[in-house]
Amino acid sequence: MATNSSQNKWRAKNKLVKRQLNVMAKSHVHDHLQRLADDFRLRGKGEAVSFATFVTRALLQRADYNDDVAQMLEDLAEAYHRDRDIHSN
């Protein structure tokens, strides 16, 4: 855990472009974030969260022009909601 002074220094440096996000998540979520970081040469789980958001935004944009991608996203959302207790925190 970072010290208060290092956290305050980070906040002061990044106050206009970043906000800190601390999230409690199941162990398997942490494991998958680490795997994303390893597989895509990212700088840790925090960057893996940004990457996952980037990929999701790209797929949403692609879905506007591609029915197969739109259906895939719909299927994934349906599967997530069906098994939400397994996947969510």
C-alpha atoms as a PDB file:
ATOM      1  CA  MET A   1       0.000   0.000   0.000  1.00  0.00           C
ATOM      2  CA  ALA A   2       1.352   3.414  -0.920  1.00  0.00           C
ATOM      3  CA  THR A   3       2.067   6.004   1.732  1.00  0.00           C
ATOM      4  CA  ASN A   4      -0.161   9.053   2.096  1.00  0.00           C
ATOM      5  CA  SER A   5       2.574  11.346   0.826  1.00  0.00           C
ATOM      6  CA  SER A   6       3.169   9.277  -2.319  1.00  0.00           C
ATOM      7  CA  GLN A   7      -0.580   9.089  -2.985  1.00  0.00           C
ATOM      8  CA  ASN A   8      -0.913  12.854  -2.578  1.00  0.00           C
ATOM      9  CA  LYS A   9       2.056  13.400  -4.890  1.00  0.00           C
ATOM     10  CA  TRP A  10       0.452  11.136  -7.529  1.00  0.00           C
ATOM     11  CA  ARG A  11      -2.890  12.944  -7.201  1.00  0.00           C
ATOM     12  CA  ALA A  12      -1.272  16.371  -7.510  1.00  0.00           C
ATOM     13  CA  LYS A  13       0.707  15.320 -10.587  1.00  0.00           C
ATOM     14  CA  ASN A  14      -2.244  13.679 -12.362  1.00  0.00           C
ATOM     15  CA  LYS A  15      -5.243  15.659 -11.090  1.00  0.00           C
ATOM     16  CA  LEU A  16      -6.294  16.915 -14.540  1.00  0.00           C
ATOM     17  CA  VAL A  17      -5.926  13.657 -16.469  1.00  0.00           C
ATOM     18  CA  LYS A  18      -6.410  10.746 -14.079  1.00  0.00           C
ATOM     19  CA  ARG A  19      -8.552   9.637 -11.174  1.00  0.00           C
ATOM     20  CA  GLN A  20      -7.679   6.800  -8.872  1.00  0.00           C
ATOM     21  CA  LEU A  21      -9.927   3.734  -9.041  1.00  0.00           C
ATOM     22  CA  ASN A  22      -9.707   1.184  -6.268  1.00  0.00           C
ATOM     23  CA  VAL A  23     -11.964  -1.782  -6.874  1.00  0.00           C
ATOM     24  CA  MET A  24     -12.547  -4.894  -4.838  1.00  0.00           C
ATOM     25  CA  ALA A  25     -12.737  -7.836  -7.225  1.00  0.00           C
ATOM     26  CA  LYS A  26     -12.769 -11.600  -6.988  1.00  0.00           C
ATOM     27  CA  SER A  27      -9.444 -13.364  -7.278  1.00  0.00           C
ATOM     28  CA  HIS A  28     -10.219 -14.735 -10.731  1.00  0.00           C
ATOM     29  CA  VAL A  29     -10.747 -11.157 -11.999  1.00  0.00           C
ATOM     30  CA  HIS A  30      -7.277 -10.213 -10.751  1.00  0.00           C
ATOM     31  CA  ASP A  31      -5.896 -13.363 -12.374  1.00  0.00           C
ATOM     32  CA  HIS A  32      -7.504 -12.525 -15.727  1.00  0.00           C
ATOM     33  CA  LEU A  33      -6.274  -8.923 -15.560  1.00  0.00           C
ATOM     34  CA  GLN A  34      -2.753 -10.181 -14.931  1.00  0.00           C
ATOM     35  CA  ARG A  35      -3.085 -12.572 -17.882  1.00  0.00           C
ATOM     36  CA  LEU A  36      -4.202  -9.678 -20.108  1.00  0.00           C
ATOM     37  CA  ALA A  37      -1.214  -7.684 -18.913  1.00  0.00           C
ATOM     38  CA  ASP A  38       1.145 -10.563 -19.681  1.00  0.00           C
ATOM     39  CA  ASP A  39      -0.407 -11.548 -23.021  1.00  0.00           C
ATOM     40  CA  PHE A  40      -0.507  -7.998 -24.409  1.00  0.00           C
ATOM     41  CA  ARG A  41       2.711  -6.697 -22.818  1.00  0.00           C
ATOM     42  CA  LEU A  42       0.901  -4.187 -20.592  1.00  0.00           C
ATOM     43  CA  ARG A  43       2.304  -2.544 -17.475  1.00  0.00           C
ATOM     44  CA  GLY A  44       0.177  -4.357 -14.939  1.00  0.00           C
ATOM     45  CA  LYS A  45      -3.438  -4.869 -14.002  1.00  0.00           C
ATOM     46  CA  GLY A  46      -4.294  -1.165 -14.017  1.00  0.00           C
ATOM     47  CA  GLU A  47      -3.286  -0.861 -17.642  1.00  0.00           C
ATOM     48  CA  ALA A  48      -5.156  -4.114 -18.355  1.00  0.00           C
ATOM     49  CA  VAL A  49      -8.349  -2.404 -17.150  1.00  0.00           C
ATOM     50  CA  SER A  50      -7.682   0.495 -19.549  1.00  0.00           C
ATOM     51  CA  PHE A  51      -6.966  -1.959 -22.358  1.00  0.00           C
ATOM     52  CA  ALA A  52     -10.178  -3.909 -21.707  1.00  0.00           C
ATOM     53  CA  THR A  53     -12.121  -0.637 -21.871  1.00  0.00           C
ATOM     54  CA  PHE A  54     -10.320   0.321 -25.083  1.00  0.00           C
ATOM     55  CA  VAL A  55     -11.168  -3.037 -26.677  1.00  0.00           C
ATOM     56  CA  THR A  56     -14.804  -2.785 -25.590  1.00  0.00           C
ATOM     57  CA  ARG A  57     -15.127   0.719 -27.061  1.00  0.00           C
ATOM     58  CA  ALA A  58     -13.553  -0.480 -30.316  1.00  0.00           C
ATOM     59  CA  LEU A  59     -15.963  -3.423 -30.516  1.00  0.00           C
ATOM     60  CA  LEU A  60     -18.931  -1.121 -29.860  1.00  0.00           C
ATOM     61  CA  GLN A  61     -17.788   1.129 -32.708  1.00  0.00           C
ATOM     62  CA  ARG A  62     -17.274  -1.856 -34.993  1.00  0.00           C
ATOM     63  CA  ALA A  63     -20.742  -3.171 -34.079  1.00  0.00           C
ATOM     64  CA  ASP A  64     -22.251  -0.030 -35.624  1.00  0.00           C
ATOM     65  CA  TYR A  65     -21.051  -1.301 -39.014  1.00  0.00           C
ATOM     66  CA  ASN A  66     -20.922  -5.071 -38.589  1.00  0.00           C
ATOM     67  CA  ASP A  67     -23.944  -7.142 -37.620  1.00  0.00           C
ATOM     68  CA  ASP A  68     -21.807 -10.133 -36.601  1.00  0.00           C
ATOM     69  CA  VAL A  69     -19.878  -8.028 -34.087  1.00  0.00           C
ATOM     70  CA  ALA A  70     -23.132  -6.517 -32.797  1.00  0.00           C
ATOM     71  CA  GLN A  71     -24.560 -10.015 -32.289  1.00  0.00           C
ATOM     72  CA  MET A  72     -21.372 -11.187 -30.563  1.00  0.00           C
ATOM     73  CA  LEU A  73     -21.562  -8.274 -28.112  1.00  0.00           C
ATOM     74  CA  GLU A  74     -25.233  -8.955 -27.478  1.00  0.00           C
ATOM     75  CA  ASP A  75     -24.460 -12.640 -26.823  1.00  0.00           C
ATOM     76  CA  LEU A  76     -21.636 -11.735 -24.441  1.00  0.00           C
ATOM     77  CA  ALA A  77     -23.802  -9.250 -22.536  1.00  0.00           C
ATOM     78  CA  GLU A  78     -26.585 -11.825 -22.250  1.00  0.00           C
ATOM     79  CA  ALA A  79     -24.161 -14.485 -20.992  1.00  0.00           C
ATOM     80  CA  TYR A  80     -22.687 -12.071 -18.450  1.00  0.00           C
ATOM     81  CA  HIS A  81     -26.104 -11.095 -17.103  1.00  0.00           C
ATOM     82  CA  ARG A  82     -27.212 -14.733 -16.977  1.00  0.00           C
ATOM     83  CA  ASP A  83     -24.156 -15.709 -14.914  1.00  0.00           C
ATOM     84  CA  ARG A  84     -23.620 -12.381 -13.159  1.00  0.00           C
ATOM     85  CA  ASP A  85     -23.065 -14.011  -9.752  1.00  0.00           C
ATOM     86  CA  ILE A  86     -20.057 -15.883 -11.128  1.00  0.00           C
ATOM     87  CA  HIS A  87     -18.505 -12.952 -12.994  1.00  0.00           C
ATOM     88  CA  SER A  88     -19.252  -9.904 -10.856  1.00  0.00           C
ATOM     89  CA  ASN A  89     -17.951  -8.824  -7.502  1.00  0.00           C
END
